[in-house]
Amino acid sequence: MHSRKLFRAVPFALALGLSSAAAVAAAPASQAEVANTAMHVTKAGTFEKAISSTSFKMTVGMKSYEVKTDSMTHLTADGKNVKLASLKKGDHVTVKGELEMGSIVATSVVAQPHMSSTGDAAD
């Protein structure tokens, strides 16, 4: 009688063990898949300030983003290639790139100079 219970318990325990091992083995692959997926975004907002020579802060509504650039990022203003240092507080910027961990890794930044109340570009 004792051996019957053992035969019933062993397959059940093995089934649990195998399904647990399969779940553990599958978890890292699915996490890696999620970690490598970035969301492509386009954000239009206001240039706030340069953080470094390759990044800046922009606001979109009430939300702030750090925008990171690299040697492959296209920066333009008035249809001309520009350096990040030429952007000024208040400039309207449209950023395309990948949203990663709350920052945008930019592929392109298009800036329109902030206009003063007289219609001239602000200094």
Protein backbone atom coordinates (compact mmCIF):
# COMPACT_ATOMS: atom_id res chain seq x y z
CA MET A 1 0.00 0.00 0.00
CA HIS A 2 2.81 2.34 0.84
CA SER A 3 4.41 1.64 -2.54
CA ARG A 4 1.22 2.69 -4.40
CA LYS A 5 1.34 6.14 -2.83
CA LEU A 6 4.99 6.42 -3.73
CA PHE A 7 4.26 5.55 -7.38
CA ARG A 8 1.55 8.20 -7.50
CA ALA A 9 3.69 10.85 -5.84
CA VAL A 10 6.84 10.33 -7.92
CA PRO A 11 5.30 11.17 -11.35
CA PHE A 12 3.57 14.18 -9.84
CA ALA A 13 6.82 15.44 -8.29
CA LEU A 14 8.70 14.86 -11.52
CA ALA A 15 6.08 16.77 -13.46
CA LEU A 16 6.41 19.70 -11.08
CA GLY A 17 10.18 19.59 -11.24
CA LEU A 18 10.26 19.56 -15.02
CA SER A 19 7.75 22.38 -15.41
CA SER A 20 9.65 24.50 -12.86
CA ALA A 21 12.93 23.90 -14.67
CA ALA A 22 11.33 24.80 -18.00
CA ALA A 23 9.93 28.02 -16.56
CA VAL A 24 13.30 28.98 -15.08
CA ALA A 25 15.09 28.20 -18.34
CA ALA A 26 12.58 30.24 -20.35
CA ALA A 27 12.62 33.32 -18.11
CA PRO A 28 16.05 34.72 -19.06
CA ALA A 29 15.32 34.48 -22.79
CA SER A 30 12.03 36.36 -22.49
CA GLN A 31 13.62 39.01 -20.26
CA ALA A 32 16.45 39.50 -22.75
CA GLU A 33 13.90 39.91 -25.52
CA VAL A 34 12.10 42.65 -23.59
CA ALA A 35 15.35 44.38 -22.60
CA ASN A 36 16.48 44.65 -26.23
CA THR A 37 13.27 46.18 -27.52
CA ALA A 38 13.21 49.97 -27.62
CA MET A 39 10.24 52.02 -28.68
CA HIS A 40 10.64 54.30 -31.70
CA VAL A 41 9.27 57.75 -30.85
CA THR A 42 8.87 61.21 -32.33
CA LYS A 43 8.57 63.99 -29.75
CA ALA A 44 8.04 67.70 -30.41
CA GLY A 45 8.79 70.11 -27.59
CA THR A 46 11.01 72.86 -26.25
CA PHE A 47 14.79 72.83 -25.87
CA GLU A 48 15.58 73.59 -22.22
CA LYS A 49 19.35 73.26 -21.79
CA ALA A 50 22.44 71.38 -22.86
CA ILE A 51 23.45 68.74 -20.33
CA SER A 52 26.73 67.85 -22.04
CA SER A 53 28.28 68.17 -25.48
CA THR A 54 26.18 65.18 -26.61
CA SER A 55 22.92 65.48 -24.65
CA PHE A 56 20.23 67.98 -23.79
CA LYS A 57 16.99 68.34 -21.86
CA MET A 58 13.71 68.99 -23.63
CA THR A 59 10.15 69.37 -22.36
CA VAL A 60 7.03 68.03 -24.01
CA GLY A 61 4.01 69.39 -22.18
CA MET A 62 4.71 68.72 -18.51
CA LYS A 63 7.22 65.89 -19.15
CA SER A 64 10.99 66.27 -19.44
CA TYR A 65 13.26 64.04 -21.50
CA GLU A 66 17.00 63.70 -21.71
CA VAL A 67 17.95 63.46 -25.37
CA LYS A 68 21.23 61.72 -26.17
CA THR A 69 23.01 62.28 -29.48
CA ASP A 70 25.98 60.60 -31.11
CA SER A 71 28.01 60.87 -34.29
CA MET A 72 25.12 59.33 -36.28
CA THR A 73 22.49 61.86 -35.11
CA HIS A 74 21.39 64.39 -37.73
CA LEU A 75 20.93 67.88 -36.21
CA THR A 76 19.37 70.54 -38.41
CA ALA A 77 17.97 74.05 -37.97
CA ASP A 78 16.43 76.03 -40.81
CA GLY A 79 17.39 73.20 -43.17
CA LYS A 80 21.12 73.42 -42.33
CA ASN A 81 23.32 71.04 -40.36
CA VAL A 82 24.12 72.50 -36.93
CA LYS A 83 25.98 71.59 -33.76
CA LEU A 84 24.17 70.88 -30.51
CA ALA A 85 25.84 73.95 -28.98
CA SER A 86 23.96 76.21 -31.41
CA LEU A 87 20.56 75.32 -29.92
CA LYS A 88 19.12 77.88 -27.50
CA LYS A 89 16.63 77.72 -24.64
CA GLY A 90 13.12 78.03 -26.02
CA ASP A 91 13.90 76.61 -29.48
CA HIS A 92 11.18 74.27 -30.75
CA VAL A 93 12.71 70.83 -31.37
CA THR A 94 11.36 67.68 -32.99
CA VAL A 95 13.29 64.59 -31.96
CA LYS A 96 13.10 61.16 -33.59
CA GLY A 97 14.78 58.20 -31.95
CA GLU A 98 14.50 55.27 -29.58
CA LEU A 99 13.03 55.63 -26.09
CA GLU A 100 15.30 53.72 -23.71
CA MET A 101 14.94 53.87 -19.93
CA GLY A 102 13.29 57.31 -20.03
CA SER A 103 15.87 58.89 -22.34
CA ILE A 104 15.62 59.34 -26.09
CA VAL A 105 18.59 58.18 -28.16
CA ALA A 106 18.13 60.53 -31.10
CA THR A 107 18.55 59.66 -34.75
CA SER A 108 17.47 63.16 -35.82
CA VAL A 109 16.83 66.53 -34.19
CA VAL A 110 15.13 69.32 -36.14
CA ALA A 111 15.17 72.73 -34.45
CA GLN A 112 13.24 75.89 -35.18
CA PRO A 113 14.66 78.99 -33.49
CA HIS A 114 12.54 80.55 -30.76
CA MET A 115 11.06 83.82 -32.03
CA SER A 116 10.86 86.90 -29.83
CA SER A 117 7.75 89.08 -29.68
CA THR A 118 9.23 91.32 -32.40
CA GLY A 119 9.50 88.38 -34.81
CA ASP A 120 13.29 88.15 -34.60
CA ALA A 121 15.12 85.05 -33.41
CA ALA A 122 15.70 85.33 -29.65
CA ASP A 123 19.27 85.90 -28.50
